[in-house]
Amino acid sequence: MWVKVPTLITVGDHDECDPSLSQEMHSKIQESRLVIFPKSGHATFVDQPALFISSVNEFLQPRK
């Protein structure tokens, strides 16, 4: 395993790069979180900006 830090993986459910690849990446990075955005392509931050921002904020400042 190469990545040894918390990692946020985001992907759109209509991404040109199949979401299954992101799921595989998630399975190989121990401290990763995978967020699949509905009705979104490759540019999740454009297609779902509010959901993207909230996902990043939650990842950076998790609730305790």
N, C-alpha and C. Protein backbone atom coordinates (compact mmCIF):
# COMPACT_ATOMS: atom_id res chain seq x y z
N MET A 1 0.85 -1.17 0.00
CA MET A 1 0.00 0.00 0.00
C MET A 1 0.90 1.24 0.00
N TRP A 2 0.67 2.13 -0.93
CA TRP A 2 1.51 3.32 -1.05
C TRP A 2 0.94 4.51 -0.33
N VAL A 3 -0.35 4.73 -0.42
CA VAL A 3 -0.97 5.89 0.19
C VAL A 3 -1.28 5.55 1.65
N LYS A 4 -0.72 6.34 2.56
CA LYS A 4 -0.89 6.05 3.98
C LYS A 4 -1.43 7.25 4.74
N VAL A 5 -2.25 8.03 4.07
CA VAL A 5 -2.87 9.19 4.70
C VAL A 5 -4.36 9.17 4.37
N PRO A 6 -5.19 9.82 5.19
CA PRO A 6 -6.62 9.89 4.86
C PRO A 6 -6.81 10.49 3.46
N THR A 7 -7.66 9.86 2.67
CA THR A 7 -7.83 10.24 1.27
C THR A 7 -9.32 10.29 0.93
N LEU A 8 -9.71 11.39 0.30
CA LEU A 8 -11.10 11.53 -0.17
C LEU A 8 -11.12 11.24 -1.66
N ILE A 9 -11.94 10.28 -2.05
CA ILE A 9 -12.10 9.92 -3.46
C ILE A 9 -13.50 10.32 -3.87
N THR A 10 -13.61 11.14 -4.89
CA THR A 10 -14.93 11.56 -5.38
C THR A 10 -15.09 11.12 -6.82
N VAL A 11 -16.32 10.76 -7.16
CA VAL A 11 -16.60 10.32 -8.53
C VAL A 11 -18.09 10.55 -8.80
N GLY A 12 -18.39 10.88 -10.03
CA GLY A 12 -19.78 11.02 -10.43
C GLY A 12 -20.34 9.68 -10.88
N ASP A 13 -21.63 9.47 -10.66
CA ASP A 13 -22.22 8.20 -11.06
C ASP A 13 -22.30 8.05 -12.58
N HIS A 14 -22.10 9.16 -13.32
CA HIS A 14 -22.06 9.12 -14.79
C HIS A 14 -20.67 9.49 -15.31
N ASP A 15 -19.65 9.29 -14.50
CA ASP A 15 -18.28 9.64 -14.89
C ASP A 15 -17.84 8.80 -16.07
N GLU A 16 -17.08 9.42 -16.99
CA GLU A 16 -16.54 8.69 -18.14
C GLU A 16 -15.55 7.62 -17.68
N CYS A 17 -14.86 7.91 -16.58
CA CYS A 17 -13.99 6.93 -15.95
C CYS A 17 -14.88 6.13 -15.00
N ASP A 18 -15.18 4.92 -15.33
CA ASP A 18 -16.18 4.14 -14.62
C ASP A 18 -16.01 4.20 -13.10
N PRO A 19 -17.09 4.49 -12.36
CA PRO A 19 -17.01 4.55 -10.90
C PRO A 19 -16.45 3.29 -10.24
N SER A 20 -16.51 2.16 -10.92
CA SER A 20 -15.95 0.94 -10.33
C SER A 20 -14.44 1.08 -10.12
N LEU A 21 -13.78 1.91 -10.93
CA LEU A 21 -12.34 2.13 -10.74
C LEU A 21 -12.10 2.90 -9.45
N SER A 22 -12.97 3.84 -9.14
CA SER A 22 -12.86 4.58 -7.87
C SER A 22 -13.14 3.66 -6.69
N GLN A 23 -14.07 2.74 -6.86
CA GLN A 23 -14.36 1.78 -5.80
C GLN A 23 -13.16 0.86 -5.56
N GLU A 24 -12.48 0.49 -6.64
CA GLU A 24 -11.29 -0.33 -6.50
C GLU A 24 -10.18 0.44 -5.79
N MET A 25 -10.01 1.72 -6.17
CA MET A 25 -9.02 2.57 -5.52
C MET A 25 -9.32 2.68 -4.01
N HIS A 26 -10.60 2.89 -3.70
CA HIS A 26 -11.04 2.99 -2.31
C HIS A 26 -10.69 1.72 -1.53
N SER A 27 -10.85 0.58 -2.14
CA SER A 27 -10.57 -0.68 -1.46
C SER A 27 -9.07 -0.87 -1.20
N LYS A 28 -8.23 -0.15 -1.93
CA LYS A 28 -6.78 -0.31 -1.79
C LYS A 28 -6.14 0.76 -0.91
N ILE A 29 -6.90 1.79 -0.55
CA ILE A 29 -6.37 2.85 0.32
C ILE A 29 -7.08 2.73 1.66
N GLN A 30 -6.33 2.31 2.66
CA GLN A 30 -6.92 1.95 3.95
C GLN A 30 -7.75 3.08 4.56
N GLU A 31 -7.24 4.29 4.60
CA GLU A 31 -7.95 5.40 5.24
C GLU A 31 -8.64 6.29 4.21
N SER A 32 -9.35 5.68 3.29
CA SER A 32 -10.02 6.47 2.26
C SER A 32 -11.53 6.52 2.50
N ARG A 33 -12.11 7.56 1.95
CA ARG A 33 -13.56 7.70 1.95
C ARG A 33 -13.97 7.92 0.50
N LEU A 34 -14.97 7.18 0.06
CA LEU A 34 -15.47 7.28 -1.31
C LEU A 34 -16.83 7.96 -1.30
N VAL A 35 -16.96 9.00 -2.12
CA VAL A 35 -18.25 9.67 -2.28
C VAL A 35 -18.61 9.61 -3.76
N ILE A 36 -19.76 9.00 -4.05
CA ILE A 36 -20.27 8.91 -5.42
C ILE A 36 -21.40 9.91 -5.56
N PHE A 37 -21.23 10.89 -6.44
CA PHE A 37 -22.20 11.96 -6.61
C PHE A 37 -23.26 11.56 -7.63
N PRO A 38 -24.53 11.68 -7.25
CA PRO A 38 -25.61 11.35 -8.19
C PRO A 38 -25.73 12.43 -9.26
N LYS A 39 -26.19 12.01 -10.42
CA LYS A 39 -26.41 12.94 -11.54
C LYS A 39 -25.18 13.79 -11.81
N SER A 40 -24.02 13.16 -11.82
CA SER A 40 -22.77 13.88 -11.98
C SER A 40 -21.83 13.12 -12.90
N GLY A 41 -21.05 13.89 -13.65
CA GLY A 41 -20.04 13.31 -14.53
C GLY A 41 -18.68 13.39 -13.87
N HIS A 42 -17.66 13.67 -14.67
CA HIS A 42 -16.28 13.71 -14.17
C HIS A 42 -16.03 14.95 -13.31
N ALA A 43 -16.67 16.05 -13.62
CA ALA A 43 -16.46 17.31 -12.89
C ALA A 43 -17.50 17.43 -11.78
N THR A 44 -17.33 16.64 -10.74
CA THR A 44 -18.31 16.63 -9.65
C THR A 44 -18.47 17.99 -9.01
N PHE A 45 -17.39 18.76 -8.95
CA PHE A 45 -17.45 20.08 -8.32
C PHE A 45 -18.26 21.07 -9.14
N VAL A 46 -18.47 20.79 -10.42
CA VAL A 46 -19.30 21.62 -11.29
C VAL A 46 -20.74 21.11 -11.29
N ASP A 47 -20.89 19.80 -11.40
CA ASP A 47 -22.22 19.19 -11.51
C ASP A 47 -23.00 19.24 -10.19
N GLN A 48 -22.31 19.08 -9.07
CA GLN A 48 -22.95 19.04 -7.76
C GLN A 48 -22.13 19.89 -6.77
N PRO A 49 -22.03 21.20 -6.99
CA PRO A 49 -21.12 22.01 -6.16
C PRO A 49 -21.44 21.99 -4.66
N ALA A 50 -22.70 22.08 -4.29
CA ALA A 50 -23.04 22.09 -2.86
C ALA A 50 -22.68 20.76 -2.20
N LEU A 51 -22.99 19.66 -2.86
CA LEU A 51 -22.67 18.34 -2.32
C LEU A 51 -21.15 18.14 -2.28
N PHE A 52 -20.46 18.62 -3.29
CA PHE A 52 -18.99 18.51 -3.31
C PHE A 52 -18.38 19.26 -2.13
N ILE A 53 -18.81 20.51 -1.94
CA ILE A 53 -18.26 21.34 -0.86
C ILE A 53 -18.57 20.72 0.50
N SER A 54 -19.79 20.24 0.69
CA SER A 54 -20.13 19.64 1.98
C SER A 54 -19.33 18.35 2.22
N SER A 55 -19.08 17.59 1.17
CA SER A 55 -18.30 16.35 1.30
C SER A 55 -16.85 16.66 1.68
N VAL A 56 -16.28 17.67 1.04
CA VAL A 56 -14.90 18.06 1.36
C VAL A 56 -14.83 18.62 2.78
N ASN A 57 -15.77 19.48 3.14
CA ASN A 57 -15.77 20.04 4.49
C ASN A 57 -15.90 18.95 5.55
N GLU A 58 -16.79 17.99 5.32
CA GLU A 58 -16.97 16.89 6.27
C GLU A 58 -15.71 16.04 6.38
N PHE A 59 -15.04 15.85 5.27
CA PHE A 59 -13.80 15.07 5.27
C PHE A 59 -12.70 15.80 6.04
N LEU A 60 -12.61 17.11 5.84
CA LEU A 60 -11.56 17.89 6.49
C LEU A 60 -11.85 18.18 7.96
N GLN A 61 -13.14 18.27 8.31
CA GLN A 61 -13.52 18.56 9.69
C GLN A 61 -14.59 17.58 10.13
N PRO A 62 -14.20 16.33 10.37
CA PRO A 62 -15.20 15.33 10.75
C PRO A 62 -15.84 15.66 12.08
N ARG A 63 -17.10 15.28 12.21
CA ARG A 63 -17.84 15.47 13.46
C ARG A 63 -17.35 14.46 14.48
N LYS A 64 -17.29 14.91 15.70
CA LYS A 64 -16.80 14.00 16.78
C LYS A 64 -17.92 13.59 17.67
